[in-house]
C-alpha atoms as a PDB file:
ATOM      1  CA  MET A   1    -135.178  42.170 -40.851  1.00  0.00           C
ATOM      2  CA  ILE A   2    -137.609  44.309 -38.886  1.00  0.00           C
ATOM      3  CA  ALA A   3    -135.528  43.812 -35.753  1.00  0.00           C
ATOM      4  CA  ARG A   4    -132.409  45.068 -37.577  1.00  0.00           C
ATOM      5  CA  VAL A   5    -134.232  48.146 -38.840  1.00  0.00           C
ATOM      6  CA  LEU A   6    -135.528  48.908 -35.362  1.00  0.00           C
ATOM      7  CA  ARG A   7    -132.062  48.437 -33.888  1.00  0.00           C
ATOM      8  CA  LEU A   8    -130.527  50.696 -36.540  1.00  0.00           C
ATOM      9  CA  GLY A   9    -133.210  53.321 -35.935  1.00  0.00           C
ATOM     10  CA  ASP A  10    -132.551  53.165 -32.217  1.00  0.00           C
ATOM     11  CA  ARG A  11    -128.839  53.758 -32.754  1.00  0.00           C
ATOM     12  CA  LEU A  12    -129.394  56.582 -35.230  1.00  0.00           C
ATOM     13  CA  ALA A  13    -132.082  58.296 -33.161  1.00  0.00           C
ATOM     14  CA  PRO A  14    -129.686  60.726 -31.378  1.00  0.00           C
ATOM     15  CA  LEU A  15    -128.034  61.723 -34.669  1.00  0.00           C
ATOM     16  CA  LEU A  16    -131.368  62.177 -36.456  1.00  0.00           C
ATOM     17  CA  THR A  17    -132.654  64.269 -33.552  1.00  0.00           C
ATOM     18  CA  LEU A  18    -129.592  66.500 -33.724  1.00  0.00           C
ATOM     19  CA  VAL A  19    -129.992  66.927 -37.495  1.00  0.00           C
ATOM     20  CA  ALA A  20    -133.663  67.820 -37.033  1.00  0.00           C
ATOM     21  CA  ILE A  21    -132.784  70.453 -34.414  1.00  0.00           C
ATOM     22  CA  VAL A  22    -130.164  72.014 -36.702  1.00  0.00           C
ATOM     23  CA  VAL A  23    -132.618  72.125 -39.635  1.00  0.00           C
ATOM     24  CA  VAL A  24    -135.358  73.735 -37.526  1.00  0.00           C
ATOM     25  CA  TRP A  25    -132.785  76.181 -36.134  1.00  0.00           C
ATOM     26  CA  GLU A  26    -131.665  77.195 -39.632  1.00  0.00           C
ATOM     27  CA  ILE A  27    -135.218  77.615 -40.922  1.00  0.00           C
ATOM     28  CA  ALA A  28    -136.301  79.642 -37.873  1.00  0.00           C
ATOM     29  CA  CYS A  29    -133.333  82.025 -38.203  1.00  0.00           C
ATOM     30  CA  ARG A  30    -134.073  82.600 -41.886  1.00  0.00           C
ATOM     31  CA  LEU A  31    -137.826  83.030 -41.502  1.00  0.00           C
ATOM     32  CA  LEU A  32    -137.612  85.303 -38.457  1.00  0.00           C
ATOM     33  CA  HIS A  33    -134.621  87.243 -39.841  1.00  0.00           C
ATOM     34  CA  LEU A  34    -132.803  87.023 -36.519  1.00  0.00           C
ATOM     35  CA  PRO A  35    -129.624  89.129 -36.300  1.00  0.00           C
ATOM     36  CA  ALA A  36    -126.423  87.116 -36.082  1.00  0.00           C
ATOM     37  CA  PHE A  37    -125.485  88.760 -32.778  1.00  0.00           C
ATOM     38  CA  VAL A  38    -128.750  87.508 -31.248  1.00  0.00           C
ATOM     39  CA  LEU A  39    -128.857  83.947 -32.604  1.00  0.00           C
ATOM     40  CA  PRO A  40    -126.724  83.011 -35.618  1.00  0.00           C
ATOM     41  CA  ALA A  41    -127.933  80.371 -38.042  1.00  0.00           C
ATOM     42  CA  PRO A  42    -125.933  77.127 -38.275  1.00  0.00           C
ATOM     43  CA  SER A  43    -124.770  78.126 -41.757  1.00  0.00           C
ATOM     44  CA  ALA A  44    -123.400  81.411 -40.381  1.00  0.00           C
ATOM     45  CA  ILE A  45    -121.604  79.508 -37.620  1.00  0.00           C
ATOM     46  CA  VAL A  46    -119.956  77.183 -40.138  1.00  0.00           C
ATOM     47  CA  LEU A  47    -118.951  80.151 -42.300  1.00  0.00           C
ATOM     48  CA  ALA A  48    -117.428  81.945 -39.298  1.00  0.00           C
ATOM     49  CA  GLY A  49    -115.455  78.837 -38.447  1.00  0.00           C
ATOM     50  CA  GLU A  50    -114.104  78.597 -41.975  1.00  0.00           C
ATOM     51  CA  ASN A  51    -113.122  82.272 -41.999  1.00  0.00           C
ATOM     52  CA  LEU A  52    -110.978  81.917 -38.876  1.00  0.00           C
ATOM     53  CA  GLY A  53    -108.729  79.365 -40.542  1.00  0.00           C
ATOM     54  CA  VAL A  54    -107.456  75.919 -39.634  1.00  0.00           C
ATOM     55  CA  ALA A  55    -104.179  77.157 -38.135  1.00  0.00           C
ATOM     56  CA  GLN A  56    -105.871  79.407 -35.585  1.00  0.00           C
ATOM     57  CA  TRP A  57    -108.421  76.752 -34.668  1.00  0.00           C
ATOM     58  CA  ARG A  58    -105.611  74.272 -34.127  1.00  0.00           C
ATOM     59  CA  GLU A  59    -103.726  76.706 -31.901  1.00  0.00           C
ATOM     60  CA  HIS A  60    -106.745  77.438 -29.695  1.00  0.00           C
ATOM     61  CA  PHE A  61    -107.866  73.798 -29.573  1.00  0.00           C
ATOM     62  CA  VAL A  62    -104.432  72.459 -28.622  1.00  0.00           C
ATOM     63  CA  ALA A  63    -104.102  75.090 -25.877  1.00  0.00           C
ATOM     64  CA  THR A  64    -107.425  74.071 -24.331  1.00  0.00           C
ATOM     65  CA  LEU A  65    -106.845  70.343 -24.777  1.00  0.00           C
ATOM     66  CA  GLN A  66    -103.485  70.622 -23.031  1.00  0.00           C
ATOM     67  CA  ILE A  67    -105.085  72.148 -19.941  1.00  0.00           C
ATOM     68  CA  VAL A  68    -107.889  69.574 -19.990  1.00  0.00           C
ATOM     69  CA  VAL A  69    -105.581  66.551 -20.228  1.00  0.00           C
ATOM     70  CA  VAL A  70    -103.000  67.766 -17.705  1.00  0.00           C
ATOM     71  CA  GLY A  71    -105.625  68.960 -15.218  1.00  0.00           C
ATOM     72  CA  TYR A  72    -107.595  65.717 -15.548  1.00  0.00           C
ATOM     73  CA  ALA A  73    -104.492  63.548 -15.109  1.00  0.00           C
ATOM     74  CA  VAL A  74    -103.329  65.498 -12.050  1.00  0.00           C
ATOM     75  CA  SER A  75    -106.828  65.288 -10.593  1.00  0.00           C
ATOM     76  CA  ILE A  76    -106.836  61.488 -10.976  1.00  0.00           C
ATOM     77  CA  ALA A  77    -103.355  61.235  -9.446  1.00  0.00           C
ATOM     78  CA  ILE A  78    -104.526  63.196  -6.391  1.00  0.00           C
ATOM     79  CA  SER A  79    -108.101  61.953  -6.008  1.00  0.00           C
ATOM     80  CA  VAL A  80    -107.675  58.177  -6.134  1.00  0.00           C
ATOM     81  CA  PRO A  81    -104.935  57.936  -3.434  1.00  0.00           C
ATOM     82  CA  LEU A  82    -106.861  60.461  -1.341  1.00  0.00           C
ATOM     83  CA  ALA A  83    -110.009  58.334  -1.588  1.00  0.00           C
ATOM     84  CA  VAL A  84    -108.015  55.258  -0.541  1.00  0.00           C
ATOM     85  CA  ALA A  85    -106.657  57.166   2.444  1.00  0.00           C
ATOM     86  CA  LEU A  86    -110.123  58.375   3.442  1.00  0.00           C
ATOM     87  CA  THR A  87    -111.568  54.863   3.364  1.00  0.00           C
ATOM     88  CA  SER A  88    -108.588  53.408   5.236  1.00  0.00           C
ATOM     89  CA  SER A  89    -108.516  55.918   8.082  1.00  0.00           C
ATOM     90  CA  ARG A  90    -111.509  57.043  10.120  1.00  0.00           C
ATOM     91  CA  PHE A  91    -109.475  59.971  11.451  1.00  0.00           C
ATOM     92  CA  LEU A  92    -108.725  61.256   7.938  1.00  0.00           C
ATOM     93  CA  SER A  93    -112.338  60.735   6.927  1.00  0.00           C
ATOM     94  CA  ARG A  94    -113.551  62.897   9.815  1.00  0.00           C
ATOM     95  CA  THR A  95    -110.962  65.646   9.369  1.00  0.00           C
ATOM     96  CA  VAL A  96    -110.255  65.856   5.623  1.00  0.00           C
ATOM     97  CA  TYR A  97    -113.693  65.080   4.183  1.00  0.00           C
ATOM     98  CA  PRO A  98    -115.364  68.236   5.616  1.00  0.00           C
ATOM     99  CA  LEU A  99    -112.555  70.314   4.100  1.00  0.00           C
ATOM    100  CA  LEU A 100    -113.224  68.727   0.711  1.00  0.00           C
ATOM    101  CA  VAL A 101    -116.893  69.630   1.022  1.00  0.00           C
ATOM    102  CA  VAL A 102    -115.953  73.229   1.834  1.00  0.00           C
ATOM    103  CA  ILE A 103    -113.655  73.407  -1.202  1.00  0.00           C
ATOM    104  CA  GLN A 104    -116.349  71.942  -3.446  1.00  0.00           C
ATOM    105  CA  SER A 105    -118.949  74.362  -2.070  1.00  0.00           C
ATOM    106  CA  THR A 106    -116.785  77.383  -2.907  1.00  0.00           C
ATOM    107  CA  PRO A 107    -117.774  78.903  -6.277  1.00  0.00           C
ATOM    108  CA  ILE A 108    -114.855  78.261  -8.587  1.00  0.00           C
ATOM    109  CA  VAL A 109    -115.646  81.379 -10.630  1.00  0.00           C
ATOM    110  CA  ALA A 110    -115.091  83.482  -7.516  1.00  0.00           C
ATOM    111  CA  VAL A 111    -111.882  81.698  -6.550  1.00  0.00           C
ATOM    112  CA  ALA A 112    -110.329  81.596 -10.033  1.00  0.00           C
ATOM    113  CA  PRO A 113    -109.159  85.261 -10.106  1.00  0.00           C
ATOM    114  CA  ILE A 114    -107.542  84.807  -6.683  1.00  0.00           C
ATOM    115  CA  ILE A 115    -105.703  81.712  -7.917  1.00  0.00           C
ATOM    116  CA  VAL A 116    -104.448  83.584 -10.958  1.00  0.00           C
ATOM    117  CA  VAL A 117    -103.204  86.492  -8.825  1.00  0.00           C
ATOM    118  CA  THR A 118    -101.479  84.057  -6.467  1.00  0.00           C
ATOM    119  CA  LEU A 119     -99.925  81.684  -9.010  1.00  0.00           C
ATOM    120  CA  GLY A 120     -99.478  83.991 -11.994  1.00  0.00           C
ATOM    121  CA  VAL A 121    -100.870  83.810 -15.491  1.00  0.00           C
ATOM    122  CA  GLY A 122     -99.066  80.730 -16.801  1.00  0.00           C
ATOM    123  CA  MET A 123    -100.283  77.188 -17.203  1.00  0.00           C
ATOM    124  CA  LEU A 124    -100.156  76.338 -13.481  1.00  0.00           C
ATOM    125  CA  PRO A 125    -103.230  78.315 -12.332  1.00  0.00           C
ATOM    126  CA  ARG A 126    -105.312  76.907 -15.191  1.00  0.00           C
ATOM    127  CA  VAL A 127    -104.347  73.363 -14.232  1.00  0.00           C
ATOM    128  CA  VAL A 128    -105.170  74.083 -10.575  1.00  0.00           C
ATOM    129  CA  ILE A 129    -108.591  75.480 -11.508  1.00  0.00           C
ATOM    130  CA  THR A 130    -109.328  72.430 -13.656  1.00  0.00           C
ATOM    131  CA  CYS A 131    -108.303  70.119 -10.800  1.00  0.00           C
ATOM    132  CA  MET A 132    -110.565  71.961  -8.367  1.00  0.00           C
ATOM    133  CA  VAL A 133    -113.519  71.407 -10.684  1.00  0.00           C
ATOM    134  CA  THR A 134    -112.842  67.712 -11.337  1.00  0.00           C
ATOM    135  CA  PHE A 135    -111.346  66.162  -8.212  1.00  0.00           C
ATOM    136  CA  PHE A 136    -114.416  66.018  -5.921  1.00  0.00           C
ATOM    137  CA  PRO A 137    -116.508  63.564  -8.026  1.00  0.00           C
ATOM    138  CA  LEU A 138    -113.436  61.339  -8.349  1.00  0.00           C
ATOM    139  CA  VAL A 139    -112.838  61.289  -4.598  1.00  0.00           C
ATOM    140  CA  ILE A 140    -116.476  60.593  -3.784  1.00  0.00           C
ATOM    141  CA  GLY A 141    -116.917  57.959  -6.502  1.00  0.00           C
ATOM    142  CA  THR A 142    -113.751  56.080  -5.596  1.00  0.00           C
ATOM    143  CA  ALA A 143    -114.443  56.215  -1.853  1.00  0.00           C
ATOM    144  CA  THR A 144    -118.021  55.042  -2.378  1.00  0.00           C
ATOM    145  CA  GLY A 145    -116.847  52.121  -4.488  1.00  0.00           C
ATOM    146  CA  LEU A 146    -114.210  51.067  -1.970  1.00  0.00           C
ATOM    147  CA  ARG A 147    -116.793  51.143   0.808  1.00  0.00           C
ATOM    148  CA  ALA A 148    -119.329  49.174  -1.259  1.00  0.00           C
ATOM    149  CA  THR A 149    -117.403  45.907  -0.887  1.00  0.00           C
ATOM    150  CA  PRO A 150    -119.555  43.298   0.897  1.00  0.00           C
ATOM    151  CA  GLU A 151    -118.433  42.831   4.478  1.00  0.00           C
ATOM    152  CA  GLU A 152    -118.611  39.043   4.223  1.00  0.00           C
ATOM    153  CA  LEU A 153    -115.890  39.085   1.563  1.00  0.00           C
ATOM    154  CA  ILE A 154    -113.713  41.265   3.757  1.00  0.00           C
ATOM    155  CA  GLU A 155    -114.233  38.943   6.720  1.00  0.00           C
ATOM    156  CA  LEU A 156    -113.490  35.915   4.527  1.00  0.00           C
ATOM    157  CA  SER A 157    -110.229  37.414   3.292  1.00  0.00           C
ATOM    158  CA  ARG A 158    -109.163  38.251   6.823  1.00  0.00           C
ATOM    159  CA  SER A 159    -110.017  34.753   8.012  1.00  0.00           C
ATOM    160  CA  LEU A 160    -107.691  33.454   5.280  1.00  0.00           C
ATOM    161  CA  ARG A 161    -105.002  35.828   6.600  1.00  0.00           C
ATOM    162  CA  ALA A 162    -104.904  37.964   3.479  1.00  0.00           C
ATOM    163  CA  GLY A 163    -102.886  41.140   3.960  1.00  0.00           C
ATOM    164  CA  ARG A 164    -104.226  44.654   3.582  1.00  0.00           C
ATOM    165  CA  TRP A 165    -102.613  44.987   0.157  1.00  0.00           C
ATOM    166  CA  ARG A 166    -104.251  41.839  -1.210  1.00  0.00           C
ATOM    167  CA  GLU A 167    -107.552  42.867   0.365  1.00  0.00           C
ATOM    168  CA  PHE A 168    -107.348  46.169  -1.447  1.00  0.00           C
ATOM    169  CA  THR A 169    -106.113  44.959  -4.857  1.00  0.00           C
ATOM    170  CA  GLN A 170    -108.127  41.733  -5.142  1.00  0.00           C
ATOM    171  CA  ILE A 171    -111.378  42.568  -3.329  1.00  0.00           C
ATOM    172  CA  ARG A 172    -112.022  46.251  -2.727  1.00  0.00           C
ATOM    173  CA  LEU A 173    -110.584  47.673  -5.932  1.00  0.00           C
ATOM    174  CA  PRO A 174    -112.461  45.320  -8.329  1.00  0.00           C
ATOM    175  CA  PHE A 175    -115.745  46.218  -6.605  1.00  0.00           C
ATOM    176  CA  ALA A 176    -114.877  49.899  -6.905  1.00  0.00           C
ATOM    177  CA  ILE A 177    -114.073  49.847 -10.651  1.00  0.00           C
ATOM    178  CA  PRO A 178    -117.646  50.653 -11.852  1.00  0.00           C
ATOM    179  CA  TYR A 179    -117.863  53.515  -9.348  1.00  0.00           C
ATOM    180  CA  ILE A 180    -114.455  54.854 -10.353  1.00  0.00           C
ATOM    181  CA  PHE A 181    -115.314  54.865 -14.041  1.00  0.00           C
ATOM    182  CA  SER A 182    -118.658  56.516 -13.365  1.00  0.00           C
ATOM    183  CA  ALA A 183    -116.739  59.292 -11.621  1.00  0.00           C
ATOM    184  CA  LEU A 184    -114.183  59.414 -14.448  1.00  0.00           C
ATOM    185  CA  LYS A 185    -116.968  59.932 -16.996  1.00  0.00           C
ATOM    186  CA  VAL A 186    -118.397  62.815 -15.010  1.00  0.00           C
ATOM    187  CA  SER A 187    -115.010  64.376 -14.306  1.00  0.00           C
ATOM    188  CA  VAL A 188    -113.747  64.269 -17.897  1.00  0.00           C
ATOM    189  CA  THR A 189    -116.591  66.544 -18.983  1.00  0.00           C
ATOM    190  CA  LEU A 190    -116.044  68.764 -15.953  1.00  0.00           C
ATOM    191  CA  SER A 191    -112.378  69.101 -16.911  1.00  0.00           C
ATOM    192  CA  VAL A 192    -113.447  70.858 -20.117  1.00  0.00           C
ATOM    193  CA  ILE A 193    -115.603  73.218 -18.051  1.00  0.00           C
ATOM    194  CA  GLY A 194    -112.704  73.893 -15.682  1.00  0.00           C
ATOM    195  CA  ALA A 195    -110.332  74.651 -18.551  1.00  0.00           C
ATOM    196  CA  VAL A 196    -112.807  77.105 -20.083  1.00  0.00           C
ATOM    197  CA  ILE A 197    -113.334  78.867 -16.739  1.00  0.00           C
ATOM    198  CA  ALA A 198    -109.566  79.186 -16.369  1.00  0.00           C
ATOM    199  CA  GLU A 199    -109.273  80.621 -19.859  1.00  0.00           C
ATOM    200  CA  PHE A 200    -112.025  83.125 -19.123  1.00  0.00           C
ATOM    201  CA  VAL A 201    -109.953  84.439 -16.218  1.00  0.00           C
ATOM    202  CA  ALA A 202    -106.417  84.410 -17.613  1.00  0.00           C
ATOM    203  CA  ALA A 203    -105.369  83.162 -21.035  1.00  0.00           C
ATOM    204  CA  GLU A 204    -104.049  84.450 -24.325  1.00  0.00           C
ATOM    205  CA  LYS A 205    -105.241  81.496 -26.388  1.00  0.00           C
ATOM    206  CA  GLY A 206    -107.669  78.628 -26.091  1.00  0.00           C
ATOM    207  CA  LEU A 207    -111.290  78.027 -27.011  1.00  0.00           C
ATOM    208  CA  GLY A 208    -112.547  79.662 -23.822  1.00  0.00           C
ATOM    209  CA  PHE A 209    -110.447  82.735 -24.547  1.00  0.00           C
ATOM    210  CA  LEU A 210    -111.743  82.734 -28.132  1.00  0.00           C
ATOM    211  CA  ILE A 211    -115.372  82.709 -26.944  1.00  0.00           C
ATOM    212  CA  LEU A 212    -114.719  85.604 -24.573  1.00  0.00           C
ATOM    213  CA  PHE A 213    -112.827  87.567 -27.228  1.00  0.00           C
ATOM    214  CA  SER A 214    -115.454  86.907 -29.920  1.00  0.00           C
ATOM    215  CA  THR A 215    -118.417  87.952 -27.799  1.00  0.00           C
ATOM    216  CA  SER A 216    -116.624  91.149 -26.754  1.00  0.00           C
ATOM    217  CA  LEU A 217    -116.501  92.076 -30.462  1.00  0.00           C
ATOM    218  CA  PHE A 218    -120.060  90.788 -31.107  1.00  0.00           C
ATOM    219  CA  LYS A 219    -118.699  87.999 -33.296  1.00  0.00           C
ATOM    220  CA  VAL A 220    -121.337  85.632 -31.971  1.00  0.00           C
ATOM    221  CA  PRO A 221    -121.161  83.097 -34.873  1.00  0.00           C
ATOM    222  CA  GLN A 222    -117.445  82.644 -34.169  1.00  0.00           C
ATOM    223  CA  ALA A 223    -118.190  82.157 -30.478  1.00  0.00           C
ATOM    224  CA  PHE A 224    -120.808  79.522 -31.347  1.00  0.00           C
ATOM    225  CA  ALA A 225    -118.269  77.753 -33.558  1.00  0.00           C
ATOM    226  CA  ALA A 226    -115.814  77.578 -30.648  1.00  0.00           C
ATOM    227  CA  LEU A 227    -118.608  76.350 -28.400  1.00  0.00           C
ATOM    228  CA  GLY A 228    -119.439  73.593 -30.872  1.00  0.00           C
ATOM    229  CA  ILE A 229    -115.813  72.417 -30.870  1.00  0.00           C
ATOM    230  CA  LEU A 230    -115.819  72.378 -27.057  1.00  0.00           C
ATOM    231  CA  VAL A 231    -118.972  70.244 -27.004  1.00  0.00           C
ATOM    232  CA  ALA A 232    -117.518  67.860 -29.585  1.00  0.00           C
ATOM    233  CA  ALA A 233    -114.251  67.571 -27.642  1.00  0.00           C
ATOM    234  CA  SER A 234    -116.148  66.864 -24.425  1.00  0.00           C
ATOM    235  CA  LEU A 235    -118.166  64.107 -26.107  1.00  0.00           C
ATOM    236  CA  VAL A 236    -115.046  62.526 -27.614  1.00  0.00           C
ATOM    237  CA  LEU A 237    -113.256  62.529 -24.256  1.00  0.00           C
ATOM    238  CA  TYR A 238    -116.305  60.997 -22.573  1.00  0.00           C
ATOM    239  CA  HIS A 239    -116.457  58.175 -25.122  1.00  0.00           C
ATOM    240  CA  LEU A 240    -112.712  57.594 -24.770  1.00  0.00           C
ATOM    241  CA  VAL A 241    -113.269  56.902 -21.074  1.00  0.00           C
ATOM    242  CA  VAL A 242    -116.162  54.583 -21.981  1.00  0.00           C
ATOM    243  CA  LEU A 243    -113.924  52.792 -24.479  1.00  0.00           C
ATOM    244  CA  ALA A 244    -111.161  52.434 -21.894  1.00  0.00           C
ATOM    245  CA  GLU A 245    -113.599  50.783 -19.504  1.00  0.00           C
ATOM    246  CA  ARG A 246    -114.818  48.416 -22.217  1.00  0.00           C
ATOM    247  CA  LEU A 247    -111.283  47.398 -23.182  1.00  0.00           C
ATOM    248  CA  LEU A 248    -109.666  47.206 -19.744  1.00  0.00           C
ATOM    249  CA  PHE A 249    -112.533  46.102 -17.482  1.00  0.00           C
ATOM    250  CA  PRO A 250    -115.299  44.557 -19.627  1.00  0.00           C
ATOM    251  CA  TRP A 251    -116.432  42.411 -16.692  1.00  0.00           C
ATOM    252  CA  SER A 252    -117.435  45.542 -14.760  1.00  0.00           C
ATOM    253  CA  LEU A 253    -120.028  46.584 -17.346  1.00  0.00           C
ATOM    254  CA  PRO A 254    -123.747  45.686 -17.136  1.00  0.00           C
ATOM    255  CA  LYS A 255    -124.799  42.708 -19.247  1.00  0.00           C
ATOM    256  CA  GLU A 256    -126.621  44.843 -21.808  1.00  0.00           C
ATOM    257  CA  ALA A 257    -123.529  47.037 -22.221  1.00  0.00           C
ATOM    258  CA  GLN A 258    -121.313  43.979 -22.676  1.00  0.00           C
ATOM    259  CA  SER A 259    -123.577  42.581 -25.386  1.00  0.00           C
ATOM    260  CA  GLY A 260    -123.880  46.027 -27.077  1.00  0.00           C
END
């Protein structure tokens, strides 16, 4: 009985901590009489969200989610084959990898306006910006996992005359799965950041656009409401990736995660 209570308390600890923070936040705003444009109380944020209306929230949320999903999918489609190519060719590793580091080192906020001017103000530049934010962790994680395969297994497969395709699909790729999903978890949250940056630069709808528009009119509670939805969406996407790993590759999880 005690063990069940402790286990339940351990699982509810993050939620209880969040509730405690919200309560302290609300009390502090009321006692200190903080203006809403400085730090709105949680109740004011909820009220601002209700005033905007469900239809407008849906429109902005769908616009942002579309950029996140498309940008994330394109990033996966580019990053995984690129990581395979980098691990398969020493020439590509020496020539392409430094270019990837240069791209990753370039501040995306500085490059985003240039991308918009070059590609226009449609969906394409926002997808490109999201890809630029997300692809590097995927490339590095996948390449690291493919290179983490024990050499003795590679030598054994070659001694049994296994082809390169079987070596990749049956030996290297299974060892790389935990690394790939670690990168996917990081990148799915970065895709939300990339979409918001893109909407800051050029967008007519979306949660990032709504935050920028709200703060320009000093509607800070409304901006906080949009921020809360972005955080919630990022957490849901992260746990969807975790769920996909549990369902598709349960053997790749640590023992404590498998039992949990």
